Amino acid sequence: MVNTANITTNALPKTDLVILAGGQASRIQGQNKLLMHFDEKNQLLKIIDALVDHVQQVWVNSHRDLDLYSSLNTELKFFKDDEAGF
């Protein structure tokens, strides 16, 4: 869990948040880590909820599930790696 208690909104200029969502997830049978639920909420939404007030834009770097991410938050921006695969 991200602790934002010590972050003051005026201390730093807002910047973009990039969530790196790549990898094969071989230890969890290929499941998408960002879409997994812990504490009744998926990880992507937990990250966004914790940091949205402190960033200008949220980006996801991923090679899959971009439509699913968009359906959860329409303000997300995306980019893929130049290299194919993992």
PDB file of N, CA and C in Angstrom:
ATOM      1  N   MET A   1       0.844  -1.174   0.000  1.00  0.00           N
ATOM      2  CA  MET A   1       0.000   0.000   0.000  1.00  0.00           C
ATOM      3  C   MET A   1       0.888   1.235   0.000  1.00  0.00           C
ATOM      4  N   VAL A   2       0.519   2.209  -0.757  1.00  0.00           N
ATOM      5  CA  VAL A   2       1.265   3.448  -0.864  1.00  0.00           C
ATOM      6  C   VAL A   2       0.855   4.376   0.267  1.00  0.00           C
ATOM      7  N   ASN A   3       1.846   4.872   1.015  1.00  0.00           N
ATOM      8  CA  ASN A   3       1.574   5.802   2.107  1.00  0.00           C
ATOM      9  C   ASN A   3       1.735   7.219   1.596  1.00  0.00           C
ATOM     10  N   THR A   4       0.640   7.930   1.460  1.00  0.00           N
ATOM     11  CA  THR A   4       0.683   9.301   0.951  1.00  0.00           C
ATOM     12  C   THR A   4       0.548  10.330   2.057  1.00  0.00           C
ATOM     13  N   ALA A   5       0.630   9.909   3.316  1.00  0.00           N
ATOM     14  CA  ALA A   5       0.423  10.807   4.442  1.00  0.00           C
ATOM     15  C   ALA A   5       1.441  11.942   4.484  1.00  0.00           C
ATOM     16  N   ASN A   6       2.665  11.680   4.056  1.00  0.00           N
ATOM     17  CA  ASN A   6       3.713  12.693   4.131  1.00  0.00           C
ATOM     18  C   ASN A   6       3.865  13.515   2.855  1.00  0.00           C
ATOM     19  N   ILE A   7       3.021  13.296   1.880  1.00  0.00           N
ATOM     20  CA  ILE A   7       3.090  14.045   0.630  1.00  0.00           C
ATOM     21  C   ILE A   7       2.228  15.291   0.767  1.00  0.00           C
ATOM     22  N   THR A   8       2.834  16.452   0.577  1.00  0.00           N
ATOM     23  CA  THR A   8       2.047  17.683   0.595  1.00  0.00           C
ATOM     24  C   THR A   8       1.808  18.107  -0.840  1.00  0.00           C
ATOM     25  N   THR A   9       0.626  18.579  -1.126  1.00  0.00           N
ATOM     26  CA  THR A   9       0.250  18.877  -2.507  1.00  0.00           C
ATOM     27  C   THR A   9       1.013  20.049  -3.087  1.00  0.00           C
ATOM     28  N   ASN A  10       1.534  20.950  -2.262  1.00  0.00           N
ATOM     29  CA  ASN A  10       2.251  22.107  -2.777  1.00  0.00           C
ATOM     30  C   ASN A  10       3.756  21.929  -2.763  1.00  0.00           C
ATOM     31  N   ALA A  11       4.254  20.846  -2.217  1.00  0.00           N
ATOM     32  CA  ALA A  11       5.685  20.657  -2.067  1.00  0.00           C
ATOM     33  C   ALA A  11       6.375  20.411  -3.406  1.00  0.00           C
ATOM     34  N   LEU A  12       5.756  19.698  -4.284  1.00  0.00           N
ATOM     35  CA  LEU A  12       6.361  19.330  -5.563  1.00  0.00           C
ATOM     36  C   LEU A  12       5.379  19.587  -6.696  1.00  0.00           C
ATOM     37  N   PRO A  13       5.896  19.914  -7.882  1.00  0.00           N
ATOM     38  CA  PRO A  13       4.973  20.050  -9.019  1.00  0.00           C
ATOM     39  C   PRO A  13       4.414  18.675  -9.389  1.00  0.00           C
ATOM     40  N   LYS A  14       3.203  18.667  -9.894  1.00  0.00           N
ATOM     41  CA  LYS A  14       2.617  17.394 -10.321  1.00  0.00           C
ATOM     42  C   LYS A  14       3.369  16.867 -11.529  1.00  0.00           C
ATOM     43  N   THR A  15       3.534  15.586 -11.562  1.00  0.00           N
ATOM     44  CA  THR A  15       4.199  14.912 -12.656  1.00  0.00           C
ATOM     45  C   THR A  15       3.338  13.738 -13.089  1.00  0.00           C
ATOM     46  N   ASP A  16       3.764  13.016 -14.097  1.00  0.00           N
ATOM     47  CA  ASP A  16       3.011  11.858 -14.557  1.00  0.00           C
ATOM     48  C   ASP A  16       3.413  10.615 -13.770  1.00  0.00           C
ATOM     49  N   LEU A  17       2.462   9.720 -13.596  1.00  0.00           N
ATOM     50  CA  LEU A  17       2.691   8.422 -12.972  1.00  0.00           C
ATOM     51  C   LEU A  17       2.690   7.376 -14.078  1.00  0.00           C
ATOM     52  N   VAL A  18       3.733   6.561 -14.130  1.00  0.00           N
ATOM     53  CA  VAL A  18       3.803   5.470 -15.104  1.00  0.00           C
ATOM     54  C   VAL A  18       3.778   4.156 -14.339  1.00  0.00           C
ATOM     55  N   ILE A  19       2.791   3.328 -14.625  1.00  0.00           N
ATOM     56  CA  ILE A  19       2.671   2.014 -14.007  1.00  0.00           C
ATOM     57  C   ILE A  19       3.222   1.001 -15.005  1.00  0.00           C
ATOM     58  N   LEU A  20       4.279   0.312 -14.615  1.00  0.00           N
ATOM     59  CA  LEU A  20       4.882  -0.707 -15.467  1.00  0.00           C
ATOM     60  C   LEU A  20       4.172  -2.023 -15.219  1.00  0.00           C
ATOM     61  N   ALA A  21       3.490  -2.516 -16.225  1.00  0.00           N
ATOM     62  CA  ALA A  21       2.643  -3.698 -16.053  1.00  0.00           C
ATOM     63  C   ALA A  21       3.061  -4.829 -16.976  1.00  0.00           C
ATOM     64  N   GLY A  22       4.345  -4.962 -17.196  1.00  0.00           N
ATOM     65  CA  GLY A  22       4.816  -6.000 -18.097  1.00  0.00           C
ATOM     66  C   GLY A  22       5.199  -7.264 -17.356  1.00  0.00           C
ATOM     67  N   GLY A  23       5.737  -8.183 -18.074  1.00  0.00           N
ATOM     68  CA  GLY A  23       6.194  -9.440 -17.487  1.00  0.00           C
ATOM     69  C   GLY A  23       5.249 -10.578 -17.797  1.00  0.00           C
ATOM     70  N   GLN A  24       5.776 -11.773 -17.656  1.00  0.00           N
ATOM     71  CA  GLN A  24       4.999 -12.967 -17.979  1.00  0.00           C
ATOM     72  C   GLN A  24       4.104 -13.428 -16.841  1.00  0.00           C
ATOM     73  N   ALA A  25       4.354 -12.987 -15.622  1.00  0.00           N
ATOM     74  CA  ALA A  25       3.585 -13.417 -14.453  1.00  0.00           C
ATOM     75  C   ALA A  25       3.602 -14.935 -14.317  1.00  0.00           C
ATOM     76  N   SER A  26       4.736 -15.535 -14.591  1.00  0.00           N
ATOM     77  CA  SER A  26       4.834 -16.994 -14.572  1.00  0.00           C
ATOM     78  C   SER A  26       4.608 -17.586 -13.189  1.00  0.00           C
ATOM     79  N   ARG A  27       4.897 -16.853 -12.126  1.00  0.00           N
ATOM     80  CA  ARG A  27       4.690 -17.375 -10.771  1.00  0.00           C
ATOM     81  C   ARG A  27       3.225 -17.346 -10.352  1.00  0.00           C
ATOM     82  N   ILE A  28       2.400 -16.625 -11.120  1.00  0.00           N
ATOM     83  CA  ILE A  28       0.971 -16.576 -10.800  1.00  0.00           C
ATOM     84  C   ILE A  28       0.140 -17.045 -11.998  1.00  0.00           C
ATOM     85  N   GLN A  29       0.659 -18.031 -12.700  1.00  0.00           N
ATOM     86  CA  GLN A  29      -0.008 -18.692 -13.824  1.00  0.00           C
ATOM     87  C   GLN A  29      -0.465 -17.721 -14.906  1.00  0.00           C
ATOM     88  N   GLY A  30       0.326 -16.682 -15.160  1.00  0.00           N
ATOM     89  CA  GLY A  30       0.050 -15.760 -16.248  1.00  0.00           C
ATOM     90  C   GLY A  30      -1.036 -14.736 -15.992  1.00  0.00           C
ATOM     91  N   GLN A  31      -1.544 -14.682 -14.768  1.00  0.00           N
ATOM     92  CA  GLN A  31      -2.597 -13.706 -14.456  1.00  0.00           C
ATOM     93  C   GLN A  31      -2.042 -12.289 -14.536  1.00  0.00           C
ATOM     94  N   ASN A  32      -2.875 -11.372 -14.916  1.00  0.00           N
ATOM     95  CA  ASN A  32      -2.501  -9.965 -14.973  1.00  0.00           C
ATOM     96  C   ASN A  32      -2.491  -9.400 -13.555  1.00  0.00           C
ATOM     97  N   LYS A  33      -1.315  -9.002 -13.087  1.00  0.00           N
ATOM     98  CA  LYS A  33      -1.169  -8.523 -11.703  1.00  0.00           C
ATOM     99  C   LYS A  33      -2.000  -7.283 -11.420  1.00  0.00           C
ATOM    100  N   LEU A  34      -2.101  -6.389 -12.381  1.00  0.00           N
ATOM    101  CA  LEU A  34      -2.858  -5.156 -12.158  1.00  0.00           C
ATOM    102  C   LEU A  34      -4.351  -5.404 -12.010  1.00  0.00           C
ATOM    103  N   LEU A  35      -4.831  -6.495 -12.567  1.00  0.00           N
ATOM    104  CA  LEU A  35      -6.261  -6.782 -12.497  1.00  0.00           C
ATOM    105  C   LEU A  35      -6.630  -7.717 -11.346  1.00  0.00           C
ATOM    106  N   MET A  36      -5.625  -8.204 -10.611  1.00  0.00           N
ATOM    107  CA  MET A  36      -5.893  -9.078  -9.472  1.00  0.00           C
ATOM    108  C   MET A  36      -6.513  -8.271  -8.331  1.00  0.00           C
ATOM    109  N   HIS A  37      -7.393  -8.922  -7.585  1.00  0.00           N
ATOM    110  CA  HIS A  37      -8.074  -8.275  -6.461  1.00  0.00           C
ATOM    111  C   HIS A  37      -7.430  -8.669  -5.132  1.00  0.00           C
ATOM    112  N   PHE A  38      -7.137  -7.669  -4.337  1.00  0.00           N
ATOM    113  CA  PHE A  38      -6.733  -7.829  -2.946  1.00  0.00           C
ATOM    114  C   PHE A  38      -7.536  -6.798  -2.180  1.00  0.00           C
ATOM    115  N   ASP A  39      -8.046  -7.154  -1.043  1.00  0.00           N
ATOM    116  CA  ASP A  39      -8.871  -6.244  -0.255  1.00  0.00           C
ATOM    117  C   ASP A  39     -10.062  -5.732  -1.067  1.00  0.00           C
ATOM    118  N   GLU A  40     -10.649  -6.605  -1.883  1.00  0.00           N
ATOM    119  CA  GLU A  40     -11.870  -6.334  -2.647  1.00  0.00           C
ATOM    120  C   GLU A  40     -11.742  -5.252  -3.716  1.00  0.00           C
ATOM    121  N   LYS A  41     -10.511  -4.931  -4.131  1.00  0.00           N
ATOM    122  CA  LYS A  41     -10.308  -3.933  -5.185  1.00  0.00           C
ATOM    123  C   LYS A  41      -9.107  -4.350  -6.007  1.00  0.00           C
ATOM    124  N   ASN A  42      -9.182  -4.159  -7.323  1.00  0.00           N
ATOM    125  CA  ASN A  42      -8.035  -4.567  -8.124  1.00  0.00           C
ATOM    126  C   ASN A  42      -6.872  -3.595  -7.929  1.00  0.00           C
ATOM    127  N   GLN A  43      -5.697  -4.087  -8.220  1.00  0.00           N
ATOM    128  CA  GLN A  43      -4.470  -3.334  -7.942  1.00  0.00           C
ATOM    129  C   GLN A  43      -4.379  -2.034  -8.731  1.00  0.00           C
ATOM    130  N   LEU A  44      -4.835  -2.032  -9.960  1.00  0.00           N
ATOM    131  CA  LEU A  44      -4.783  -0.816 -10.770  1.00  0.00           C
ATOM    132  C   LEU A  44      -5.571   0.309 -10.106  1.00  0.00           C
ATOM    133  N   LEU A  45      -6.795   0.017  -9.701  1.00  0.00           N
ATOM    134  CA  LEU A  45      -7.620   1.055  -9.077  1.00  0.00           C
ATOM    135  C   LEU A  45      -7.074   1.484  -7.719  1.00  0.00           C
ATOM    136  N   LYS A  46      -6.465   0.566  -6.979  1.00  0.00           N
ATOM    137  CA  LYS A  46      -5.860   0.929  -5.698  1.00  0.00           C
ATOM    138  C   LYS A  46      -4.711   1.904  -5.897  1.00  0.00           C
ATOM    139  N   ILE A  47      -3.889   1.674  -6.894  1.00  0.00           N
ATOM    140  CA  ILE A  47      -2.761   2.569  -7.180  1.00  0.00           C
ATOM    141  C   ILE A  47      -3.279   3.943  -7.597  1.00  0.00           C
ATOM    142  N   ILE A  48      -4.237   3.951  -8.513  1.00  0.00           N
ATOM    143  CA  ILE A  48      -4.790   5.226  -8.998  1.00  0.00           C
ATOM    144  C   ILE A  48      -5.439   5.994  -7.850  1.00  0.00           C
ATOM    145  N   ASP A  49      -6.252   5.328  -7.053  1.00  0.00           N
ATOM    146  CA  ASP A  49      -6.931   5.999  -5.944  1.00  0.00           C
ATOM    147  C   ASP A  49      -5.937   6.611  -4.956  1.00  0.00           C
ATOM    148  N   ALA A  50      -4.833   5.911  -4.709  1.00  0.00           N
ATOM    149  CA  ALA A  50      -3.854   6.396  -3.738  1.00  0.00           C
ATOM    150  C   ALA A  50      -3.069   7.599  -4.246  1.00  0.00           C
ATOM    151  N   LEU A  51      -2.874   7.700  -5.564  1.00  0.00           N
ATOM    152  CA  LEU A  51      -1.958   8.711  -6.085  1.00  0.00           C
ATOM    153  C   LEU A  51      -2.574   9.744  -7.012  1.00  0.00           C
ATOM    154  N   VAL A  52      -3.829   9.603  -7.388  1.00  0.00           N
ATOM    155  CA  VAL A  52      -4.437  10.468  -8.399  1.00  0.00           C
ATOM    156  C   VAL A  52      -4.364  11.948  -8.026  1.00  0.00           C
ATOM    157  N   ASP A  53      -4.464  12.277  -6.769  1.00  0.00           N
ATOM    158  CA  ASP A  53      -4.427  13.686  -6.364  1.00  0.00           C
ATOM    159  C   ASP A  53      -3.020  14.280  -6.417  1.00  0.00           C
ATOM    160  N   HIS A  54      -2.015  13.440  -6.618  1.00  0.00           N
ATOM    161  CA  HIS A  54      -0.630  13.889  -6.583  1.00  0.00           C
ATOM    162  C   HIS A  54       0.049  13.855  -7.942  1.00  0.00           C
ATOM    163  N   VAL A  55      -0.678  13.435  -8.965  1.00  0.00           N
ATOM    164  CA  VAL A  55      -0.078  13.320 -10.296  1.00  0.00           C
ATOM    165  C   VAL A  55      -0.933  14.040 -11.334  1.00  0.00           C
ATOM    166  N   GLN A  56      -0.284  14.375 -12.426  1.00  0.00           N
ATOM    167  CA  GLN A  56      -0.973  15.060 -13.517  1.00  0.00           C
ATOM    168  C   GLN A  56      -1.705  14.077 -14.419  1.00  0.00           C
ATOM    169  N   GLN A  57      -1.048  12.967 -14.754  1.00  0.00           N
ATOM    170  CA  GLN A  57      -1.606  11.974 -15.680  1.00  0.00           C
ATOM    171  C   GLN A  57      -1.124  10.595 -15.262  1.00  0.00           C
ATOM    172  N   VAL A  58      -1.982   9.586 -15.412  1.00  0.00           N
ATOM    173  CA  VAL A  58      -1.609   8.201 -15.138  1.00  0.00           C
ATOM    174  C   VAL A  58      -1.461   7.464 -16.462  1.00  0.00           C
ATOM    175  N   TRP A  59      -0.308   6.827 -16.630  1.00  0.00           N
ATOM    176  CA  TRP A  59       0.007   6.034 -17.814  1.00  0.00           C
ATOM    177  C   TRP A  59       0.192   4.580 -17.398  1.00  0.00           C
ATOM    178  N   VAL A  60      -0.152   3.656 -18.286  1.00  0.00           N
ATOM    179  CA  VAL A  60       0.117   2.240 -18.070  1.00  0.00           C
ATOM    180  C   VAL A  60       0.970   1.764 -19.242  1.00  0.00           C
ATOM    181  N   ASN A  61       2.108   1.170 -18.910  1.00  0.00           N
ATOM    182  CA  ASN A  61       2.978   0.552 -19.904  1.00  0.00           C
ATOM    183  C   ASN A  61       2.698  -0.946 -19.865  1.00  0.00           C
ATOM    184  N   SER A  62       2.059  -1.461 -20.909  1.00  0.00           N
ATOM    185  CA  SER A  62       1.652  -2.857 -20.927  1.00  0.00           C
ATOM    186  C   SER A  62       1.567  -3.361 -22.359  1.00  0.00           C
ATOM    187  N   HIS A  63       1.629  -4.657 -22.500  1.00  0.00           N
ATOM    188  CA  HIS A  63       1.493  -5.287 -23.814  1.00  0.00           C
ATOM    189  C   HIS A  63       0.152  -5.997 -23.984  1.00  0.00           C
ATOM    190  N   ARG A  64      -0.712  -5.921 -22.955  1.00  0.00           N
ATOM    191  CA  ARG A  64      -2.006  -6.613 -23.043  1.00  0.00           C
ATOM    192  C   ARG A  64      -3.051  -5.915 -22.184  1.00  0.00           C
ATOM    193  N   ASP A  65      -4.289  -6.258 -22.417  1.00  0.00           N
ATOM    194  CA  ASP A  65      -5.445  -5.845 -21.599  1.00  0.00           C
ATOM    195  C   ASP A  65      -5.709  -4.340 -21.581  1.00  0.00           C
ATOM    196  N   LEU A  66      -5.287  -3.622 -22.606  1.00  0.00           N
ATOM    197  CA  LEU A  66      -5.490  -2.173 -22.625  1.00  0.00           C
ATOM    198  C   LEU A  66      -6.973  -1.807 -22.613  1.00  0.00           C
ATOM    199  N   ASP A  67      -7.803  -2.592 -23.286  1.00  0.00           N
ATOM    200  CA  ASP A  67      -9.246  -2.338 -23.275  1.00  0.00           C
ATOM    201  C   ASP A  67      -9.840  -2.517 -21.877  1.00  0.00           C
ATOM    202  N   LEU A  68      -9.360  -3.515 -21.151  1.00  0.00           N
ATOM    203  CA  LEU A  68      -9.839  -3.722 -19.780  1.00  0.00           C
ATOM    204  C   LEU A  68      -9.428  -2.562 -18.879  1.00  0.00           C
ATOM    205  N   TYR A  69      -8.199  -2.099 -19.008  1.00  0.00           N
ATOM    206  CA  TYR A  69      -7.748  -0.954 -18.214  1.00  0.00           C
ATOM    207  C   TYR A  69      -8.615   0.268 -18.523  1.00  0.00           C
ATOM    208  N   SER A  70      -8.880   0.501 -19.802  1.00  0.00           N
ATOM    209  CA  SER A  70      -9.701   1.651 -20.210  1.00  0.00           C
ATOM    210  C   SER A  70     -11.109   1.575 -19.640  1.00  0.00           C
ATOM    211  N   SER A  71     -11.648   0.374 -19.558  1.00  0.00           N
ATOM    212  CA  SER A  71     -13.000   0.233 -19.018  1.00  0.00           C
ATOM    213  C   SER A  71     -13.045   0.540 -17.522  1.00  0.00           C
ATOM    214  N   LEU A  72     -11.926   0.396 -16.830  1.00  0.00           N
ATOM    215  CA  LEU A  72     -11.869   0.698 -15.401  1.00  0.00           C
ATOM    216  C   LEU A  72     -11.654   2.182 -15.129  1.00  0.00           C
ATOM    217  N   ASN A  73     -10.923   2.841 -16.039  1.00  0.00           N
ATOM    218  CA  ASN A  73     -10.642   4.267 -15.861  1.00  0.00           C
ATOM    219  C   ASN A  73     -10.418   4.873 -17.240  1.00  0.00           C
ATOM    220  N   THR A  74     -11.349   5.686 -17.686  1.00  0.00           N
ATOM    221  CA  THR A  74     -11.295   6.232 -19.044  1.00  0.00           C
ATOM    222  C   THR A  74     -10.232   7.315 -19.214  1.00  0.00           C
ATOM    223  N   GLU A  75      -9.656   7.802 -18.127  1.00  0.00           N
ATOM    224  CA  GLU A  75      -8.638   8.852 -18.227  1.00  0.00           C
ATOM    225  C   GLU A  75      -7.219   8.307 -18.346  1.00  0.00           C
ATOM    226  N   LEU A  76      -7.059   6.989 -18.273  1.00  0.00           N
ATOM    227  CA  LEU A  76      -5.741   6.392 -18.404  1.00  0.00           C
ATOM    228  C   LEU A  76      -5.177   6.595 -19.803  1.00  0.00           C
ATOM    229  N   LYS A  77      -3.863   6.734 -19.881  1.00  0.00           N
ATOM    230  CA  LYS A  77      -3.146   6.763 -21.152  1.00  0.00           C
ATOM    231  C   LYS A  77      -2.263   5.526 -21.192  1.00  0.00           C
ATOM    232  N   PHE A  78      -1.930   5.069 -22.397  1.00  0.00           N
ATOM    233  CA  PHE A  78      -1.181   3.817 -22.538  1.00  0.00           C
ATOM    234  C   PHE A  78      -0.036   3.954 -23.516  1.00  0.00           C
ATOM    235  N   PHE A  79       0.961   3.107 -23.337  1.00  0.00           N
ATOM    236  CA  PHE A  79       1.978   2.915 -24.349  1.00  0.00           C
ATOM    237  C   PHE A  79       2.548   1.502 -24.199  1.00  0.00           C
ATOM    238  N   LYS A  80       3.008   0.972 -25.317  1.00  0.00           N
ATOM    239  CA  LYS A  80       3.587  -0.352 -25.347  1.00  0.00           C
ATOM    240  C   LYS A  80       5.085  -0.225 -25.551  1.00  0.00           C
ATOM    241  N   ASP A  81       5.814  -1.256 -25.159  1.00  0.00           N
ATOM    242  CA  ASP A  81       7.257  -1.298 -25.403  1.00  0.00           C
ATOM    243  C   ASP A  81       7.515  -1.398 -26.903  1.00  0.00           C
ATOM    244  N   ASP A  82       8.637  -0.886 -27.334  1.00  0.00           N
ATOM    245  CA  ASP A  82       9.038  -1.028 -28.738  1.00  0.00           C
ATOM    246  C   ASP A  82       9.354  -2.469 -29.103  1.00  0.00           C
ATOM    247  N   GLU A  83       9.874  -3.217 -28.142  1.00  0.00           N
ATOM    248  CA  GLU A  83      10.232  -4.614 -28.351  1.00  0.00           C
ATOM    249  C   GLU A  83       9.000  -5.496 -28.159  1.00  0.00           C
ATOM    250  N   ALA A  84       8.843  -6.495 -29.005  1.00  0.00           N
ATOM    251  CA  ALA A  84       7.737  -7.434 -28.862  1.00  0.00           C
ATOM    252  C   ALA A  84       8.038  -8.448 -27.755  1.00  0.00           C
ATOM    253  N   GLY A  85       6.996  -9.039 -27.203  1.00  0.00           N
ATOM    254  CA  GLY A  85       7.164 -10.071 -26.182  1.00  0.00           C
ATOM    255  C   GLY A  85       7.375  -9.500 -24.798  1.00  0.00           C
ATOM    256  N   PHE A  86       8.107 -10.243 -23.978  1.00  0.00           N
ATOM    257  CA  PHE A  86       8.318  -9.830 -22.593  1.00  0.00           C
ATOM    258  C   PHE A  86       9.712  -9.306 -22.430  1.00  0.00           C
TER     259      PHE A  86
END
